[in-house]
Amino acid sequence: MSVRTEYEQVFEKARRLYESRAEKIATCDKKIRLLLNRVSRRLKEVSSTPLVMEARFQLEVFVRMLTAHVQRRYKSLSPRSIGLLVLGLFYFALPMDLVPDFIPFVGYVDDLSVILAIYKSLQVDIERFLDWERNQIHPE
């Protein structure tokens, strides 16, 4: 079995388990803000963990996308995209998920799998957002 297939299987398990909770969060700006705060705290707690460091860029992009969405500055996210972003961040913020994060090394493999699968799935949306973001900083 390839690594890619394993990532996809972990993502599908996480999606099945947490999709309905993520959808409830995704429809409420207040809940999204609470999730963003929780993710920020979690990132600070585990920032030196090697696997978290590998996914830090993706996590930060997810946070910026949802922050811009909640602040009504970026309006190009579909409900599906918002749901997947919330799912990825929600899963990351959970200390007890498919593989509990307190287990050295392997505890974050599932988190990384979910984050990378969502990043790949939303690649077009992410590129559009990053272009939009660059234009906010350096308007042409």
C-alpha atoms as a PDB file:
ATOM      1  CA  MET A   1       0.000   0.000   0.000  1.00  0.00           C
ATOM      2  CA  SER A   2       1.406   3.415  -0.925  1.00  0.00           C
ATOM      3  CA  VAL A   3       1.877   6.259   1.540  1.00  0.00           C
ATOM      4  CA  ARG A   4      -0.638   8.289  -0.462  1.00  0.00           C
ATOM      5  CA  THR A   5      -3.269   5.561  -0.076  1.00  0.00           C
ATOM      6  CA  GLU A   6      -2.618   5.438   3.672  1.00  0.00           C
ATOM      7  CA  TYR A   7      -3.032   9.237   3.915  1.00  0.00           C
ATOM      8  CA  GLU A   8      -6.297   9.010   2.010  1.00  0.00           C
ATOM      9  CA  GLN A   9      -7.586   6.239   4.272  1.00  0.00           C
ATOM     10  CA  VAL A  10      -6.786   8.215   7.405  1.00  0.00           C
ATOM     11  CA  PHE A  11      -8.475  11.283   5.917  1.00  0.00           C
ATOM     12  CA  GLU A  12     -11.602   9.279   5.048  1.00  0.00           C
ATOM     13  CA  LYS A  13     -11.799   7.859   8.575  1.00  0.00           C
ATOM     14  CA  ALA A  14     -11.429  11.327  10.070  1.00  0.00           C
ATOM     15  CA  ARG A  15     -14.008  12.723   7.669  1.00  0.00           C
ATOM     16  CA  ARG A  16     -16.541  10.036   8.573  1.00  0.00           C
ATOM     17  CA  LEU A  17     -15.980  10.531  12.302  1.00  0.00           C
ATOM     18  CA  TYR A  18     -15.857  14.323  12.487  1.00  0.00           C
ATOM     19  CA  GLU A  19     -17.612  15.691   9.401  1.00  0.00           C
ATOM     20  CA  SER A  20     -20.945  16.390  11.106  1.00  0.00           C
ATOM     21  CA  ARG A  21     -19.234  18.247  13.975  1.00  0.00           C
ATOM     22  CA  ALA A  22     -17.113  20.203  11.510  1.00  0.00           C
ATOM     23  CA  GLU A  23     -20.219  21.155   9.497  1.00  0.00           C
ATOM     24  CA  LYS A  24     -21.869  22.560  12.644  1.00  0.00           C
ATOM     25  CA  ILE A  25     -18.790  24.647  13.346  1.00  0.00           C
ATOM     26  CA  ALA A  26     -18.479  25.756   9.715  1.00  0.00           C
ATOM     27  CA  THR A  27     -21.949  27.320   9.701  1.00  0.00           C
ATOM     28  CA  CYS A  28     -21.317  29.573  12.709  1.00  0.00           C
ATOM     29  CA  ASP A  29     -18.724  32.361  12.674  1.00  0.00           C
ATOM     30  CA  LYS A  30     -18.563  32.382  16.477  1.00  0.00           C
ATOM     31  CA  LYS A  31     -17.709  28.656  16.513  1.00  0.00           C
ATOM     32  CA  ILE A  32     -15.109  29.165  13.781  1.00  0.00           C
ATOM     33  CA  ARG A  33     -13.485  31.922  15.869  1.00  0.00           C
ATOM     34  CA  LEU A  34     -13.394  29.636  18.903  1.00  0.00           C
ATOM     35  CA  LEU A  35     -11.816  26.914  16.770  1.00  0.00           C
ATOM     36  CA  LEU A  36      -9.212  29.363  15.424  1.00  0.00           C
ATOM     37  CA  ASN A  37      -8.291  30.330  19.006  1.00  0.00           C
ATOM     38  CA  ARG A  38      -8.013  26.680  19.982  1.00  0.00           C
ATOM     39  CA  VAL A  39      -5.801  25.926  16.962  1.00  0.00           C
ATOM     40  CA  SER A  40      -3.568  28.895  17.771  1.00  0.00           C
ATOM     41  CA  ARG A  41      -3.057  27.621  21.323  1.00  0.00           C
ATOM     42  CA  ARG A  42      -2.460  24.084  20.068  1.00  0.00           C
ATOM     43  CA  LEU A  43       0.129  25.274  17.541  1.00  0.00           C
ATOM     44  CA  LYS A  44       2.025  27.063  20.315  1.00  0.00           C
ATOM     45  CA  GLU A  45       1.952  23.939  22.494  1.00  0.00           C
ATOM     46  CA  VAL A  46       3.292  21.581  19.825  1.00  0.00           C
ATOM     47  CA  SER A  47       5.220  23.896  17.531  1.00  0.00           C
ATOM     48  CA  SER A  48       8.526  22.087  18.079  1.00  0.00           C
ATOM     49  CA  THR A  49       7.131  18.663  17.160  1.00  0.00           C
ATOM     50  CA  PRO A  50       8.785  17.605  13.862  1.00  0.00           C
ATOM     51  CA  LEU A  51       5.581  16.442  12.146  1.00  0.00           C
ATOM     52  CA  VAL A  52       3.734  19.578  13.185  1.00  0.00           C
ATOM     53  CA  MET A  53       6.613  21.650  11.829  1.00  0.00           C
ATOM     54  CA  GLU A  54       6.156  19.844   8.490  1.00  0.00           C
ATOM     55  CA  ALA A  55       2.490  20.859   8.346  1.00  0.00           C
ATOM     56  CA  ARG A  56       2.875  24.322   9.855  1.00  0.00           C
ATOM     57  CA  PHE A  57       2.659  26.134   6.509  1.00  0.00           C
ATOM     58  CA  GLN A  58      -0.565  24.342   5.602  1.00  0.00           C
ATOM     59  CA  LEU A  59      -2.069  24.921   9.038  1.00  0.00           C
ATOM     60  CA  GLU A  60      -1.219  28.612   8.896  1.00  0.00           C
ATOM     61  CA  VAL A  61      -2.799  28.925   5.450  1.00  0.00           C
ATOM     62  CA  PHE A  62      -5.969  27.219   6.737  1.00  0.00           C
ATOM     63  CA  VAL A  63      -6.069  29.645   9.680  1.00  0.00           C
ATOM     64  CA  ARG A  64      -5.573  32.696   7.456  1.00  0.00           C
ATOM     65  CA  MET A  65      -8.243  31.519   5.019  1.00  0.00           C
ATOM     66  CA  LEU A  66     -10.840  31.001   7.729  1.00  0.00           C
ATOM     67  CA  THR A  67      -9.878  34.234   9.489  1.00  0.00           C
ATOM     68  CA  ALA A  68     -10.317  36.220   6.269  1.00  0.00           C
ATOM     69  CA  HIS A  69     -13.630  34.432   5.674  1.00  0.00           C
ATOM     70  CA  VAL A  70     -14.983  35.178   9.167  1.00  0.00           C
ATOM     71  CA  GLN A  71     -13.846  38.796   8.908  1.00  0.00           C
ATOM     72  CA  ARG A  72     -15.731  39.014   5.586  1.00  0.00           C
ATOM     73  CA  ARG A  73     -12.566  40.100   3.788  1.00  0.00           C
ATOM     74  CA  TYR A  74     -12.385  36.986   1.588  1.00  0.00           C
ATOM     75  CA  LYS A  75     -15.670  35.837   0.118  1.00  0.00           C
ATOM     76  CA  SER A  76     -14.588  33.214  -2.403  1.00  0.00           C
ATOM     77  CA  LEU A  77     -14.781  30.100  -0.241  1.00  0.00           C
ATOM     78  CA  SER A  78     -17.488  27.592  -1.007  1.00  0.00           C
ATOM     79  CA  PRO A  79     -19.344  25.882   1.855  1.00  0.00           C
ATOM     80  CA  ARG A  80     -17.456  22.683   0.940  1.00  0.00           C
ATOM     81  CA  SER A  81     -14.091  24.443   1.251  1.00  0.00           C
ATOM     82  CA  ILE A  82     -15.041  26.023   4.569  1.00  0.00           C
ATOM     83  CA  GLY A  83     -16.179  22.628   5.827  1.00  0.00           C
ATOM     84  CA  LEU A  84     -12.905  20.949   4.848  1.00  0.00           C
ATOM     85  CA  LEU A  85     -10.807  23.731   6.375  1.00  0.00           C
ATOM     86  CA  VAL A  86     -12.779  23.459   9.596  1.00  0.00           C
ATOM     87  CA  LEU A  87     -12.456  19.667   9.535  1.00  0.00           C
ATOM     88  CA  GLY A  88      -8.667  19.870   9.192  1.00  0.00           C
ATOM     89  CA  LEU A  89      -8.252  22.425  11.955  1.00  0.00           C
ATOM     90  CA  PHE A  90     -10.759  20.696  14.217  1.00  0.00           C
ATOM     91  CA  TYR A  91      -8.941  17.404  13.791  1.00  0.00           C
ATOM     92  CA  PHE A  92      -5.588  19.046  14.501  1.00  0.00           C
ATOM     93  CA  ALA A  93      -6.949  20.738  17.642  1.00  0.00           C
ATOM     94  CA  LEU A  94      -8.272  17.452  19.052  1.00  0.00           C
ATOM     95  CA  PRO A  95      -5.673  15.882  21.340  1.00  0.00           C
ATOM     96  CA  MET A  96      -7.564  12.565  21.275  1.00  0.00           C
ATOM     97  CA  ASP A  97      -8.265  11.664  17.668  1.00  0.00           C
ATOM     98  CA  LEU A  98      -7.667   8.460  15.673  1.00  0.00           C
ATOM     99  CA  VAL A  99      -4.141   8.235  17.075  1.00  0.00           C
ATOM    100  CA  PRO A 100      -3.812  10.213  20.342  1.00  0.00           C
ATOM    101  CA  ASP A 101      -1.247  13.004  20.033  1.00  0.00           C
ATOM    102  CA  PHE A 102       0.556  12.096  23.266  1.00  0.00           C
ATOM    103  CA  ILE A 103       1.995   8.989  21.572  1.00  0.00           C
ATOM    104  CA  PRO A 104       5.475  10.061  20.461  1.00  0.00           C
ATOM    105  CA  PHE A 105       5.905  10.590  16.713  1.00  0.00           C
ATOM    106  CA  VAL A 106       2.938   8.479  15.544  1.00  0.00           C
ATOM    107  CA  GLY A 107       0.492  10.687  17.418  1.00  0.00           C
ATOM    108  CA  TYR A 108       0.809  13.358  14.758  1.00  0.00           C
ATOM    109  CA  VAL A 109       1.020  11.146  11.678  1.00  0.00           C
ATOM    110  CA  ASP A 110      -2.763  11.044  11.381  1.00  0.00           C
ATOM    111  CA  ASP A 111      -3.018  14.820  11.866  1.00  0.00           C
ATOM    112  CA  LEU A 112      -0.441  15.353   9.127  1.00  0.00           C
ATOM    113  CA  SER A 113      -2.307  12.925   6.846  1.00  0.00           C
ATOM    114  CA  VAL A 114      -5.596  14.758   7.280  1.00  0.00           C
ATOM    115  CA  ILE A 115      -4.039  18.194   6.819  1.00  0.00           C
ATOM    116  CA  LEU A 116      -2.120  17.179   3.679  1.00  0.00           C
ATOM    117  CA  ALA A 117      -5.156  15.460   2.158  1.00  0.00           C
ATOM    118  CA  ILE A 118      -7.287  18.562   2.700  1.00  0.00           C
ATOM    119  CA  TYR A 119      -4.532  20.819   1.387  1.00  0.00           C
ATOM    120  CA  LYS A 120      -4.306  18.727  -1.769  1.00  0.00           C
ATOM    121  CA  SER A 121      -8.079  18.644  -2.137  1.00  0.00           C
ATOM    122  CA  LEU A 122      -8.311  22.437  -1.841  1.00  0.00           C
ATOM    123  CA  GLN A 123      -5.210  23.242  -3.893  1.00  0.00           C
ATOM    124  CA  VAL A 124      -7.080  25.463  -6.388  1.00  0.00           C
ATOM    125  CA  ASP A 125      -8.877  27.374  -3.609  1.00  0.00           C
ATOM    126  CA  ILE A 126      -5.620  27.762  -1.713  1.00  0.00           C
ATOM    127  CA  GLU A 127      -3.772  29.127  -4.753  1.00  0.00           C
ATOM    128  CA  ARG A 128      -6.599  31.624  -5.353  1.00  0.00           C
ATOM    129  CA  PHE A 129      -6.496  32.674  -1.722  1.00  0.00           C
ATOM    130  CA  LEU A 130      -2.701  33.077  -1.716  1.00  0.00           C
ATOM    131  CA  ASP A 131      -2.955  35.233  -4.872  1.00  0.00           C
ATOM    132  CA  TRP A 132      -5.689  37.303  -3.223  1.00  0.00           C
ATOM    133  CA  GLU A 133      -3.596  37.611  -0.066  1.00  0.00           C
ATOM    134  CA  ARG A 134      -0.511  38.754  -2.021  1.00  0.00           C
ATOM    135  CA  ASN A 135      -2.646  41.402  -3.742  1.00  0.00           C
ATOM    136  CA  GLN A 136      -3.875  42.661  -0.358  1.00  0.00           C
ATOM    137  CA  ILE A 137      -0.303  43.204   0.737  1.00  0.00           C
ATOM    138  CA  HIS A 138       1.041  44.398  -2.631  1.00  0.00           C
ATOM    139  CA  PRO A 139      -1.876  45.610  -4.762  1.00  0.00           C
ATOM    140  CA  GLU A 140      -0.974  45.810  -8.418  1.00  0.00           C
END
